[in-house]
Amino acid sequence: MNRGPGPRRHDSSAAEHLPARPGRAGIDHSAGEIDPATAPQLRAVLERCAHDGITTIDVDLTTVDRCDSSGLRVFLDASRHAAETHASLRLHYPSPQTARLLADMGSDLLLL
């Protein structure tokens, strides 16, 4: 979990694609929660990254207080799709609740 200079960020509420380097993108999820109301927005941003040929997707969860199973499903689907296309998706700076959800579901090693 590196905080050094990195990729430019996607804002999931704007679904804007702004890679800093070819093939690399960062995503900031601006909402406090990833739940059934916000998960479709996040899914759309991640699908846009895949469509645009992004091979390294870093998701900054600094401002996310809570992630439920709908958010986890989005991340797992995006990770599976990334692996199928020789890309990677990593979550960074999860809240204690989100880290616990990932660990409890056995997804922490895959996504963190």
PDB file of N, CA and C in Angstrom:
ATOM      1  N   MET A   1       0.831  -1.171   0.000  1.00  0.00           N
ATOM      2  CA  MET A   1       0.000   0.000   0.000  1.00  0.00           C
ATOM      3  C   MET A   1       0.872   1.229   0.000  1.00  0.00           C
ATOM      4  N   ASN A   2       1.191   1.679  -1.139  1.00  0.00           N
ATOM      5  CA  ASN A   2       2.109   2.766  -1.355  1.00  0.00           C
ATOM      6  C   ASN A   2       1.352   4.069  -1.512  1.00  0.00           C
ATOM      7  N   ARG A   3       1.788   5.122  -0.857  1.00  0.00           N
ATOM      8  CA  ARG A   3       1.142   6.430  -0.981  1.00  0.00           C
ATOM      9  C   ARG A   3       1.940   7.392  -1.847  1.00  0.00           C
ATOM     10  N   GLY A   4       2.979   6.924  -2.507  1.00  0.00           N
ATOM     11  CA  GLY A   4       3.810   7.783  -3.339  1.00  0.00           C
ATOM     12  C   GLY A   4       3.069   8.255  -4.566  1.00  0.00           C
ATOM     13  N   PRO A   5       3.742   9.041  -5.424  1.00  0.00           N
ATOM     14  CA  PRO A   5       3.085   9.516  -6.633  1.00  0.00           C
ATOM     15  C   PRO A   5       2.581   8.331  -7.436  1.00  0.00           C
ATOM     16  N   GLY A   6       1.400   8.430  -7.862  1.00  0.00           N
ATOM     17  CA  GLY A   6       0.805   7.307  -8.574  1.00  0.00           C
ATOM     18  C   GLY A   6      -0.076   7.777  -9.692  1.00  0.00           C
ATOM     19  N   PRO A   7      -1.013   6.938 -10.040  1.00  0.00           N
ATOM     20  CA  PRO A   7      -1.881   7.254 -11.162  1.00  0.00           C
ATOM     21  C   PRO A   7      -2.839   8.376 -10.836  1.00  0.00           C
ATOM     22  N   ARG A   8      -3.318   9.036 -11.870  1.00  0.00           N
ATOM     23  CA  ARG A   8      -4.397   9.996 -11.675  1.00  0.00           C
ATOM     24  C   ARG A   8      -5.619   9.215 -11.250  1.00  0.00           C
ATOM     25  N   ARG A   9      -6.596   9.860 -10.765  1.00  0.00           N
ATOM     26  CA  ARG A   9      -7.722   9.199 -10.126  1.00  0.00           C
ATOM     27  C   ARG A   9      -8.992   9.274 -10.949  1.00  0.00           C
ATOM     28  N   HIS A  10      -9.797   8.214 -10.832  1.00  0.00           N
ATOM     29  CA  HIS A  10     -11.172   8.211 -11.321  1.00  0.00           C
ATOM     30  C   HIS A  10     -12.031   8.617 -10.134  1.00  0.00           C
ATOM     31  N   ASP A  11     -12.993   9.451 -10.337  1.00  0.00           N
ATOM     32  CA  ASP A  11     -13.980   9.744  -9.308  1.00  0.00           C
ATOM     33  C   ASP A  11     -15.192   8.913  -9.671  1.00  0.00           C
ATOM     34  N   SER A  12     -15.560   7.967  -8.814  1.00  0.00           N
ATOM     35  CA  SER A  12     -16.637   7.049  -9.169  1.00  0.00           C
ATOM     36  C   SER A  12     -17.963   7.759  -9.359  1.00  0.00           C
ATOM     37  N   SER A  13     -18.142   8.922  -8.742  1.00  0.00           N
ATOM     38  CA  SER A  13     -19.407   9.612  -8.943  1.00  0.00           C
ATOM     39  C   SER A  13     -19.452  10.266 -10.316  1.00  0.00           C
ATOM     40  N   ALA A  14     -18.292  10.584 -10.886  1.00  0.00           N
ATOM     41  CA  ALA A  14     -18.265  11.205 -12.204  1.00  0.00           C
ATOM     42  C   ALA A  14     -18.007  10.187 -13.308  1.00  0.00           C
ATOM     43  N   ALA A  15     -17.525   9.007 -12.955  1.00  0.00           N
ATOM     44  CA  ALA A  15     -17.213   7.947 -13.927  1.00  0.00           C
ATOM     45  C   ALA A  15     -16.311   8.471 -15.028  1.00  0.00           C
ATOM     46  N   GLU A  16     -15.303   9.222 -14.628  1.00  0.00           N
ATOM     47  CA  GLU A  16     -14.378   9.836 -15.566  1.00  0.00           C
ATOM     48  C   GLU A  16     -13.081   9.042 -15.614  1.00  0.00           C
ATOM     49  N   HIS A  17     -12.554   8.828 -16.782  1.00  0.00           N
ATOM     50  CA  HIS A  17     -11.348   8.023 -16.963  1.00  0.00           C
ATOM     51  C   HIS A  17     -10.168   8.948 -17.223  1.00  0.00           C
ATOM     52  N   LEU A  18      -9.221   9.000 -16.266  1.00  0.00           N
ATOM     53  CA  LEU A  18      -8.076   9.896 -16.390  1.00  0.00           C
ATOM     54  C   LEU A  18      -6.779   9.177 -16.050  1.00  0.00           C
ATOM     55  N   PRO A  19      -6.291   8.286 -16.896  1.00  0.00           N
ATOM     56  CA  PRO A  19      -5.058   7.579 -16.557  1.00  0.00           C
ATOM     57  C   PRO A  19      -3.842   8.496 -16.596  1.00  0.00           C
ATOM     58  N   ALA A  20      -2.910   8.290 -15.660  1.00  0.00           N
ATOM     59  CA  ALA A  20      -1.682   9.069 -15.629  1.00  0.00           C
ATOM     60  C   ALA A  20      -0.679   8.507 -16.625  1.00  0.00           C
ATOM     61  N   ARG A  21      -0.683   7.196 -16.767  1.00  0.00           N
ATOM     62  CA  ARG A  21       0.204   6.521 -17.716  1.00  0.00           C
ATOM     63  C   ARG A  21      -0.651   5.543 -18.494  1.00  0.00           C
ATOM     64  N   PRO A  22      -0.260   5.242 -19.696  1.00  0.00           N
ATOM     65  CA  PRO A  22      -1.037   4.270 -20.460  1.00  0.00           C
ATOM     66  C   PRO A  22      -1.178   2.960 -19.684  1.00  0.00           C
ATOM     67  N   GLY A  23      -2.393   2.460 -19.612  1.00  0.00           N
ATOM     68  CA  GLY A  23      -2.640   1.173 -18.977  1.00  0.00           C
ATOM     69  C   GLY A  23      -2.791   1.197 -17.479  1.00  0.00           C
ATOM     70  N   ARG A  24      -2.759   2.376 -16.845  1.00  0.00           N
ATOM     71  CA  ARG A  24      -2.835   2.443 -15.389  1.00  0.00           C
ATOM     72  C   ARG A  24      -3.867   3.492 -14.990  1.00  0.00           C
ATOM     73  N   ALA A  25      -4.677   3.163 -13.979  1.00  0.00           N
ATOM     74  CA  ALA A  25      -5.669   4.120 -13.505  1.00  0.00           C
ATOM     75  C   ALA A  25      -5.864   3.960 -12.015  1.00  0.00           C
ATOM     76  N   GLY A  26      -6.243   5.038 -11.375  1.00  0.00           N
ATOM     77  CA  GLY A  26      -6.616   5.008  -9.966  1.00  0.00           C
ATOM     78  C   GLY A  26      -8.060   5.426  -9.848  1.00  0.00           C
ATOM     79  N   ILE A  27      -8.724   4.899  -8.849  1.00  0.00           N
ATOM     80  CA  ILE A  27     -10.129   5.224  -8.636  1.00  0.00           C
ATOM     81  C   ILE A  27     -10.296   5.638  -7.191  1.00  0.00           C
ATOM     82  N   ASP A  28     -10.868   6.815  -6.982  1.00  0.00           N
ATOM     83  CA  ASP A  28     -11.266   7.256  -5.648  1.00  0.00           C
ATOM     84  C   ASP A  28     -12.771   7.067  -5.576  1.00  0.00           C
ATOM     85  N   HIS A  29     -13.228   6.365  -4.572  1.00  0.00           N
ATOM     86  CA  HIS A  29     -14.673   6.241  -4.382  1.00  0.00           C
ATOM     87  C   HIS A  29     -15.072   7.333  -3.422  1.00  0.00           C
ATOM     88  N   SER A  30     -15.806   8.332  -3.902  1.00  0.00           N
ATOM     89  CA  SER A  30     -16.070   9.516  -3.105  1.00  0.00           C
ATOM     90  C   SER A  30     -17.178   9.326  -2.072  1.00  0.00           C
ATOM     91  N   ALA A  31     -17.987   8.295  -2.211  1.00  0.00           N
ATOM     92  CA  ALA A  31     -19.079   8.068  -1.259  1.00  0.00           C
ATOM     93  C   ALA A  31     -18.544   7.464   0.028  1.00  0.00           C
ATOM     94  N   GLY A  32     -19.241   7.660   1.122  1.00  0.00           N
ATOM     95  CA  GLY A  32     -18.850   7.101   2.407  1.00  0.00           C
ATOM     96  C   GLY A  32     -19.147   5.620   2.517  1.00  0.00           C
ATOM     97  N   GLU A  33     -20.033   5.117   1.670  1.00  0.00           N
ATOM     98  CA  GLU A  33     -20.398   3.705   1.713  1.00  0.00           C
ATOM     99  C   GLU A  33     -20.455   3.133   0.305  1.00  0.00           C
ATOM    100  N   ILE A  34     -20.123   1.856   0.215  1.00  0.00           N
ATOM    101  CA  ILE A  34     -20.367   1.113  -1.021  1.00  0.00           C
ATOM    102  C   ILE A  34     -21.449   0.115  -0.662  1.00  0.00           C
ATOM    103  N   ASP A  35     -22.618   0.350  -1.206  1.00  0.00           N
ATOM    104  CA  ASP A  35     -23.796  -0.433  -0.874  1.00  0.00           C
ATOM    105  C   ASP A  35     -24.649  -0.578  -2.130  1.00  0.00           C
ATOM    106  N   PRO A  36     -25.846  -1.137  -2.035  1.00  0.00           N
ATOM    107  CA  PRO A  36     -26.659  -1.314  -3.245  1.00  0.00           C
ATOM    108  C   PRO A  36     -26.935  -0.015  -4.010  1.00  0.00           C
ATOM    109  N   ALA A  37     -26.919   1.120  -3.328  1.00  0.00           N
ATOM    110  CA  ALA A  37     -27.170   2.393  -4.006  1.00  0.00           C
ATOM    111  C   ALA A  37     -25.958   2.891  -4.787  1.00  0.00           C
ATOM    112  N   THR A  38     -24.746   2.609  -4.298  1.00  0.00           N
ATOM    113  CA  THR A  38     -23.541   3.140  -4.949  1.00  0.00           C
ATOM    114  C   THR A  38     -22.763   2.095  -5.737  1.00  0.00           C
ATOM    115  N   ALA A  39     -23.012   0.819  -5.497  1.00  0.00           N
ATOM    116  CA  ALA A  39     -22.276  -0.248  -6.189  1.00  0.00           C
ATOM    117  C   ALA A  39     -22.416  -0.178  -7.719  1.00  0.00           C
ATOM    118  N   PRO A  40     -23.588   0.119  -8.274  1.00  0.00           N
ATOM    119  CA  PRO A  40     -23.690   0.196  -9.736  1.00  0.00           C
ATOM    120  C   PRO A  40     -22.788   1.279 -10.341  1.00  0.00           C
ATOM    121  N   GLN A  41     -22.645   2.394  -9.650  1.00  0.00           N
ATOM    122  CA  GLN A  41     -21.763   3.466 -10.093  1.00  0.00           C
ATOM    123  C   GLN A  41     -20.320   2.980 -10.133  1.00  0.00           C
ATOM    124  N   LEU A  42     -19.914   2.311  -9.070  1.00  0.00           N
ATOM    125  CA  LEU A  42     -18.561   1.775  -8.984  1.00  0.00           C
ATOM    126  C   LEU A  42     -18.333   0.737 -10.075  1.00  0.00           C
ATOM    127  N   ARG A  43     -19.311  -0.141 -10.281  1.00  0.00           N
ATOM    128  CA  ARG A  43     -19.201  -1.152 -11.331  1.00  0.00           C
ATOM    129  C   ARG A  43     -19.001  -0.492 -12.700  1.00  0.00           C
ATOM    130  N   ALA A  44     -19.733   0.577 -12.958  1.00  0.00           N
ATOM    131  CA  ALA A  44     -19.620   1.267 -14.246  1.00  0.00           C
ATOM    132  C   ALA A  44     -18.216   1.839 -14.447  1.00  0.00           C
ATOM    133  N   VAL A  45     -17.627   2.396 -13.401  1.00  0.00           N
ATOM    134  CA  VAL A  45     -16.275   2.943 -13.514  1.00  0.00           C
ATOM    135  C   VAL A  45     -15.271   1.827 -13.776  1.00  0.00           C
ATOM    136  N   LEU A  46     -15.397   0.720 -13.050  1.00  0.00           N
ATOM    137  CA  LEU A  46     -14.468  -0.398 -13.236  1.00  0.00           C
ATOM    138  C   LEU A  46     -14.630  -1.019 -14.627  1.00  0.00           C
ATOM    139  N   GLU A  47     -15.850  -1.130 -15.107  1.00  0.00           N
ATOM    140  CA  GLU A  47     -16.076  -1.649 -16.461  1.00  0.00           C
ATOM    141  C   GLU A  47     -15.482  -0.706 -17.504  1.00  0.00           C
ATOM    142  N   ARG A  48     -15.568   0.586 -17.250  1.00  0.00           N
ATOM    143  CA  ARG A  48     -14.979   1.572 -18.179  1.00  0.00           C
ATOM    144  C   ARG A  48     -13.467   1.397 -18.242  1.00  0.00           C
ATOM    145  N   CYS A  49     -12.851   1.155 -17.082  1.00  0.00           N
ATOM    146  CA  CYS A  49     -11.400   0.913 -17.058  1.00  0.00           C
ATOM    147  C   CYS A  49     -11.054  -0.294 -17.929  1.00  0.00           C
ATOM    148  N   ALA A  50     -11.804  -1.367 -17.757  1.00  0.00           N
ATOM    149  CA  ALA A  50     -11.553  -2.584 -18.541  1.00  0.00           C
ATOM    150  C   ALA A  50     -11.742  -2.300 -20.030  1.00  0.00           C
ATOM    151  N   HIS A  51     -12.816  -1.614 -20.359  1.00  0.00           N
ATOM    152  CA  HIS A  51     -13.113  -1.287 -21.756  1.00  0.00           C
ATOM    153  C   HIS A  51     -12.011  -0.435 -22.366  1.00  0.00           C
ATOM    154  N   ASP A  52     -11.422   0.453 -21.563  1.00  0.00           N
ATOM    155  CA  ASP A  52     -10.377   1.354 -22.050  1.00  0.00           C
ATOM    156  C   ASP A  52      -8.988   0.716 -22.064  1.00  0.00           C
ATOM    157  N   GLY A  53      -8.914  -0.566 -21.714  1.00  0.00           N
ATOM    158  CA  GLY A  53      -7.642  -1.265 -21.784  1.00  0.00           C
ATOM    159  C   GLY A  53      -6.707  -1.031 -20.609  1.00  0.00           C
ATOM    160  N   ILE A  54      -7.236  -0.555 -19.508  1.00  0.00           N
ATOM    161  CA  ILE A  54      -6.422  -0.331 -18.309  1.00  0.00           C
ATOM    162  C   ILE A  54      -5.982  -1.690 -17.768  1.00  0.00           C
ATOM    163  N   THR A  55      -4.708  -1.845 -17.511  1.00  0.00           N
ATOM    164  CA  THR A  55      -4.202  -3.131 -17.027  1.00  0.00           C
ATOM    165  C   THR A  55      -3.857  -3.118 -15.544  1.00  0.00           C
ATOM    166  N   THR A  56      -3.750  -1.947 -14.930  1.00  0.00           N
ATOM    167  CA  THR A  56      -3.512  -1.837 -13.494  1.00  0.00           C
ATOM    168  C   THR A  56      -4.526  -0.866 -12.923  1.00  0.00           C
ATOM    169  N   ILE A  57      -5.399  -1.379 -12.066  1.00  0.00           N
ATOM    170  CA  ILE A  57      -6.446  -0.555 -11.466  1.00  0.00           C
ATOM    171  C   ILE A  57      -6.219  -0.536  -9.966  1.00  0.00           C
ATOM    172  N   ASP A  58      -5.972   0.647  -9.415  1.00  0.00           N
ATOM    173  CA  ASP A  58      -5.779   0.835  -7.987  1.00  0.00           C
ATOM    174  C   ASP A  58      -6.981   1.587  -7.439  1.00  0.00           C
ATOM    175  N   VAL A  59      -7.669   0.995  -6.461  1.00  0.00           N
ATOM    176  CA  VAL A  59      -8.862   1.606  -5.898  1.00  0.00           C
ATOM    177  C   VAL A  59      -8.526   2.115  -4.500  1.00  0.00           C
ATOM    178  N   ASP A  60      -8.625   3.428  -4.317  1.00  0.00           N
ATOM    179  CA  ASP A  60      -8.341   4.076  -3.043  1.00  0.00           C
ATOM    180  C   ASP A  60      -9.630   4.121  -2.224  1.00  0.00           C
ATOM    181  N   LEU A  61      -9.628   3.394  -1.105  1.00  0.00           N
ATOM    182  CA  LEU A  61     -10.819   3.322  -0.250  1.00  0.00           C
ATOM    183  C   LEU A  61     -10.701   4.212   0.983  1.00  0.00           C
ATOM    184  N   THR A  62      -9.799   5.170   0.968  1.00  0.00           N
ATOM    185  CA  THR A  62      -9.557   6.027   2.125  1.00  0.00           C
ATOM    186  C   THR A  62     -10.844   6.641   2.660  1.00  0.00           C
ATOM    187  N   THR A  63     -11.716   7.103   1.781  1.00  0.00           N
ATOM    188  CA  THR A  63     -12.930   7.801   2.227  1.00  0.00           C
ATOM    189  C   THR A  63     -14.139   6.886   2.358  1.00  0.00           C
ATOM    190  N   VAL A  64     -13.937   5.590   2.179  1.00  0.00           N
ATOM    191  CA  VAL A  64     -15.053   4.635   2.293  1.00  0.00           C
ATOM    192  C   VAL A  64     -15.108   4.097   3.714  1.00  0.00           C
ATOM    193  N   ASP A  65     -16.192   4.394   4.401  1.00  0.00           N
ATOM    194  CA  ASP A  65     -16.364   3.928   5.783  1.00  0.00           C
ATOM    195  C   ASP A  65     -16.862   2.498   5.845  1.00  0.00           C
ATOM    196  N   ARG A  66     -17.674   2.123   4.872  1.00  0.00           N
ATOM    197  CA  ARG A  66     -18.343   0.830   4.920  1.00  0.00           C
ATOM    198  C   ARG A  66     -18.535   0.280   3.527  1.00  0.00           C
ATOM    199  N   CYS A  67     -18.333  -1.014   3.393  1.00  0.00           N
ATOM    200  CA  CYS A  67     -18.572  -1.719   2.138  1.00  0.00           C
ATOM    201  C   CYS A  67     -19.368  -2.970   2.481  1.00  0.00           C
ATOM    202  N   ASP A  68     -20.474  -3.180   1.790  1.00  0.00           N
ATOM    203  CA  ASP A  68     -21.266  -4.384   2.064  1.00  0.00           C
ATOM    204  C   ASP A  68     -21.035  -5.420   0.964  1.00  0.00           C
ATOM    205  N   SER A  69     -21.825  -6.468   0.989  1.00  0.00           N
ATOM    206  CA  SER A  69     -21.630  -7.572   0.045  1.00  0.00           C
ATOM    207  C   SER A  69     -21.834  -7.144  -1.404  1.00  0.00           C
ATOM    208  N   SER A  70     -22.656  -6.128  -1.658  1.00  0.00           N
ATOM    209  CA  SER A  70     -22.829  -5.674  -3.042  1.00  0.00           C
ATOM    210  C   SER A  70     -21.539  -5.035  -3.560  1.00  0.00           C
ATOM    211  N   GLY A  71     -20.841  -4.299  -2.721  1.00  0.00           N
ATOM    212  CA  GLY A  71     -19.554  -3.732  -3.111  1.00  0.00           C
ATOM    213  C   GLY A  71     -18.506  -4.812  -3.294  1.00  0.00           C
ATOM    214  N   LEU A  72     -18.503  -5.786  -2.384  1.00  0.00           N
ATOM    215  CA  LEU A  72     -17.561  -6.897  -2.504  1.00  0.00           C
ATOM    216  C   LEU A  72     -17.782  -7.639  -3.817  1.00  0.00           C
ATOM    217  N   ARG A  73     -19.027  -7.864  -4.193  1.00  0.00           N
ATOM    218  CA  ARG A  73     -19.345  -8.545  -5.445  1.00  0.00           C
ATOM    219  C   ARG A  73     -18.785  -7.758  -6.636  1.00  0.00           C
ATOM    220  N   VAL A  74     -18.915  -6.436  -6.614  1.00  0.00           N
ATOM    221  CA  VAL A  74     -18.375  -5.603  -7.693  1.00  0.00           C
ATOM    222  C   VAL A  74     -16.863  -5.786  -7.789  1.00  0.00           C
ATOM    223  N   PHE A  75     -16.182  -5.730  -6.647  1.00  0.00           N
ATOM    224  CA  PHE A  75     -14.723  -5.876  -6.652  1.00  0.00           C
ATOM    225  C   PHE A  75     -14.300  -7.267  -7.113  1.00  0.00           C
ATOM    226  N   LEU A  76     -15.002  -8.297  -6.663  1.00  0.00           N
ATOM    227  CA  LEU A  76     -14.656  -9.663  -7.077  1.00  0.00           C
ATOM    228  C   LEU A  76     -14.895  -9.874  -8.570  1.00  0.00           C
ATOM    229  N   ASP A  77     -16.009  -9.357  -9.083  1.00  0.00           N
ATOM    230  CA  ASP A  77     -16.279  -9.469 -10.522  1.00  0.00           C
ATOM    231  C   ASP A  77     -15.208  -8.728 -11.334  1.00  0.00           C
ATOM    232  N   ALA A  78     -14.853  -7.524 -10.890  1.00  0.00           N
ATOM    233  CA  ALA A  78     -13.850  -6.745 -11.604  1.00  0.00           C
ATOM    234  C   ALA A  78     -12.478  -7.418 -11.526  1.00  0.00           C
ATOM    235  N   SER A  79     -12.154  -8.006 -10.389  1.00  0.00           N
ATOM    236  CA  SER A  79     -10.886  -8.702 -10.231  1.00  0.00           C
ATOM    237  C   SER A  79     -10.825  -9.924 -11.140  1.00  0.00           C
ATOM    238  N   ARG A  80     -11.917 -10.666 -11.205  1.00  0.00           N
ATOM    239  CA  ARG A  80     -11.980 -11.844 -12.085  1.00  0.00           C
ATOM    240  C   ARG A  80     -11.807 -11.431 -13.538  1.00  0.00           C
ATOM    241  N   HIS A  81     -12.510 -10.374 -13.935  1.00  0.00           N
ATOM    242  CA  HIS A  81     -12.388  -9.901 -15.313  1.00  0.00           C
ATOM    243  C   HIS A  81     -10.962  -9.415 -15.587  1.00  0.00           C
ATOM    244  N   ALA A  82     -10.385  -8.722 -14.632  1.00  0.00           N
ATOM    245  CA  ALA A  82      -9.001  -8.230 -14.794  1.00  0.00           C
ATOM    246  C   ALA A  82      -8.050  -9.406 -14.994  1.00  0.00           C
ATOM    247  N   ALA A  83      -8.188 -10.432 -14.177  1.00  0.00           N
ATOM    248  CA  ALA A  83      -7.301 -11.604 -14.289  1.00  0.00           C
ATOM    249  C   ALA A  83      -7.459 -12.278 -15.652  1.00  0.00           C
ATOM    250  N   GLU A  84      -8.678 -12.329 -16.160  1.00  0.00           N
ATOM    251  CA  GLU A  84      -8.927 -12.953 -17.460  1.00  0.00           C
ATOM    252  C   GLU A  84      -8.264 -12.181 -18.595  1.00  0.00           C
ATOM    253  N   THR A  85      -8.025 -10.899 -18.376  1.00  0.00           N
ATOM    254  CA  THR A  85      -7.431 -10.060 -19.425  1.00  0.00           C
ATOM    255  C   THR A  85      -5.990  -9.667 -19.088  1.00  0.00           C
ATOM    256  N   HIS A  86      -5.377 -10.402 -18.160  1.00  0.00           N
ATOM    257  CA  HIS A  86      -3.986 -10.157 -17.743  1.00  0.00           C
ATOM    258  C   HIS A  86      -3.798  -8.765 -17.166  1.00  0.00           C
ATOM    259  N   ALA A  87      -4.803  -8.303 -16.441  1.00  0.00           N
ATOM    260  CA  ALA A  87      -4.757  -7.014 -15.760  1.00  0.00           C
ATOM    261  C   ALA A  87      -4.805  -7.282 -14.251  1.00  0.00           C
ATOM    262  N   SER A  88      -4.734  -6.223 -13.466  1.00  0.00           N
ATOM    263  CA  SER A  88      -4.827  -6.399 -12.017  1.00  0.00           C
ATOM    264  C   SER A  88      -5.683  -5.307 -11.402  1.00  0.00           C
ATOM    265  N   LEU A  89      -6.326  -5.661 -10.312  1.00  0.00           N
ATOM    266  CA  LEU A  89      -7.129  -4.729  -9.538  1.00  0.00           C
ATOM    267  C   LEU A  89      -6.701  -4.887  -8.089  1.00  0.00           C
ATOM    268  N   ARG A  90      -6.401  -3.791  -7.424  1.00  0.00           N
ATOM    269  CA  ARG A  90      -6.004  -3.818  -6.024  1.00  0.00           C
ATOM    270  C   ARG A  90      -6.748  -2.738  -5.258  1.00  0.00           C
ATOM    271  N   LEU A  91      -7.168  -3.084  -4.051  1.00  0.00           N
ATOM    272  CA  LEU A  91      -7.811  -2.137  -3.147  1.00  0.00           C
ATOM    273  C   LEU A  91      -6.756  -1.626  -2.175  1.00  0.00           C
ATOM    274  N   HIS A  92      -6.813  -0.328  -1.889  1.00  0.00           N
ATOM    275  CA  HIS A  92      -5.847   0.290  -0.993  1.00  0.00           C
ATOM    276  C   HIS A  92      -6.562   1.049   0.117  1.00  0.00           C
ATOM    277  N   TYR A  93      -6.014   1.009   1.310  1.00  0.00           N
ATOM    278  CA  TYR A  93      -6.473   1.767   2.469  1.00  0.00           C
ATOM    279  C   TYR A  93      -7.924   1.487   2.866  1.00  0.00           C
ATOM    280  N   PRO A  94      -8.318   0.213   2.995  1.00  0.00           N
ATOM    281  CA  PRO A  94      -9.691  -0.075   3.408  1.00  0.00           C
ATOM    282  C   PRO A  94      -9.911   0.306   4.870  1.00  0.00           C
ATOM    283  N   SER A  95     -11.139   0.650   5.204  1.00  0.00           N
ATOM    284  CA  SER A  95     -11.503   0.906   6.597  1.00  0.00           C
ATOM    285  C   SER A  95     -11.409  -0.411   7.363  1.00  0.00           C
ATOM    286  N   PRO A  96     -11.373  -0.355   8.686  1.00  0.00           N
ATOM    287  CA  PRO A  96     -11.354  -1.609   9.457  1.00  0.00           C
ATOM    288  C   PRO A  96     -12.551  -2.515   9.116  1.00  0.00           C
ATOM    289  N   GLN A  97     -13.729  -1.944   8.915  1.00  0.00           N
ATOM    290  CA  GLN A  97     -14.906  -2.747   8.577  1.00  0.00           C
ATOM    291  C   GLN A  97     -14.726  -3.426   7.228  1.00  0.00           C
ATOM    292  N   THR A  98     -14.220  -2.689   6.250  1.00  0.00           N
ATOM    293  CA  THR A  98     -14.031  -3.263   4.919  1.00  0.00           C
ATOM    294  C   THR A  98     -12.937  -4.327   4.940  1.00  0.00           C
ATOM    295  N   ALA A  99     -11.858  -4.066   5.655  1.00  0.00           N
ATOM    296  CA  ALA A  99     -10.778  -5.052   5.771  1.00  0.00           C
ATOM    297  C   ALA A  99     -11.295  -6.327   6.437  1.00  0.00           C
ATOM    298  N   ARG A 100     -12.147  -6.170   7.445  1.00  0.00           N
ATOM    299  CA  ARG A 100     -12.730  -7.331   8.128  1.00  0.00           C
ATOM    300  C   ARG A 100     -13.639  -8.115   7.184  1.00  0.00           C
ATOM    301  N   LEU A 101     -14.459  -7.422   6.398  1.00  0.00           N
ATOM    302  CA  LEU A 101     -15.325  -8.087   5.425  1.00  0.00           C
ATOM    303  C   LEU A 101     -14.482  -8.885   4.432  1.00  0.00           C
ATOM    304  N   LEU A 102     -13.428  -8.276   3.920  1.00  0.00           N
ATOM    305  CA  LEU A 102     -12.566  -8.969   2.963  1.00  0.00           C
ATOM    306  C   LEU A 102     -11.923 -10.199   3.594  1.00  0.00           C
ATOM    307  N   ALA A 103     -11.442 -10.062   4.814  1.00  0.00           N
ATOM    308  CA  ALA A 103     -10.803 -11.185   5.507  1.00  0.00           C
ATOM    309  C   ALA A 103     -11.820 -12.286   5.804  1.00  0.00           C
ATOM    310  N   ASP A 104     -12.989 -11.910   6.304  1.00  0.00           N
ATOM    311  CA  ASP A 104     -14.029 -12.897   6.643  1.00  0.00           C
ATOM    312  C   ASP A 104     -14.487 -13.677   5.420  1.00  0.00           C
ATOM    313  N   MET A 105     -14.480 -13.041   4.267  1.00  0.00           N
ATOM    314  CA  MET A 105     -14.936 -13.687   3.037  1.00  0.00           C
ATOM    315  C   MET A 105     -13.775 -14.363   2.292  1.00  0.00           C
ATOM    316  N   GLY A 106     -12.565 -14.248   2.834  1.00  0.00           N
ATOM    317  CA  GLY A 106     -11.407 -14.871   2.192  1.00  0.00           C
ATOM    318  C   GLY A 106     -10.956 -14.152   0.926  1.00  0.00           C
ATOM    319  N   SER A 107     -11.306 -12.896   0.808  1.00  0.00           N
ATOM    320  CA  SER A 107     -10.982 -12.128  -0.397  1.00  0.00           C
ATOM    321  C   SER A 107      -9.818 -11.173  -0.201  1.00  0.00           C
ATOM    322  N   ASP A 108      -9.308 -11.081   1.016  1.00  0.00           N
ATOM    323  CA  ASP A 108      -8.258 -10.095   1.298  1.00  0.00           C
ATOM    324  C   ASP A 108      -6.983 -10.379   0.495  1.00  0.00           C
ATOM    325  N   LEU A 109      -6.577 -11.620   0.394  1.00  0.00           N
ATOM    326  CA  LEU A 109      -5.346 -11.915  -0.344  1.00  0.00           C
ATOM    327  C   LEU A 109      -5.506 -11.653  -1.833  1.00  0.00           C
ATOM    328  N   LEU A 110      -6.709 -11.768  -2.327  1.00  0.00           N
ATOM    329  CA  LEU A 110      -6.971 -11.527  -3.746  1.00  0.00           C
ATOM    330  C   LEU A 110      -7.024 -10.039  -4.068  1.00  0.00           C
ATOM    331  N   LEU A 111      -7.621  -9.247  -3.171  1.00  0.00           N
ATOM    332  CA  LEU A 111      -7.921  -7.866  -3.493  1.00  0.00           C
ATOM    333  C   LEU A 111      -6.984  -6.832  -2.860  1.00  0.00           C
ATOM    334  N   LEU A 112      -6.312  -7.198  -1.782  1.00  0.00           N
ATOM    335  CA  LEU A 112      -5.442  -6.202  -1.111  1.00  0.00           C
ATOM    336  C   LEU A 112      -4.011  -6.360  -1.551  1.00  0.00           C
TER     337      LEU A 112
END
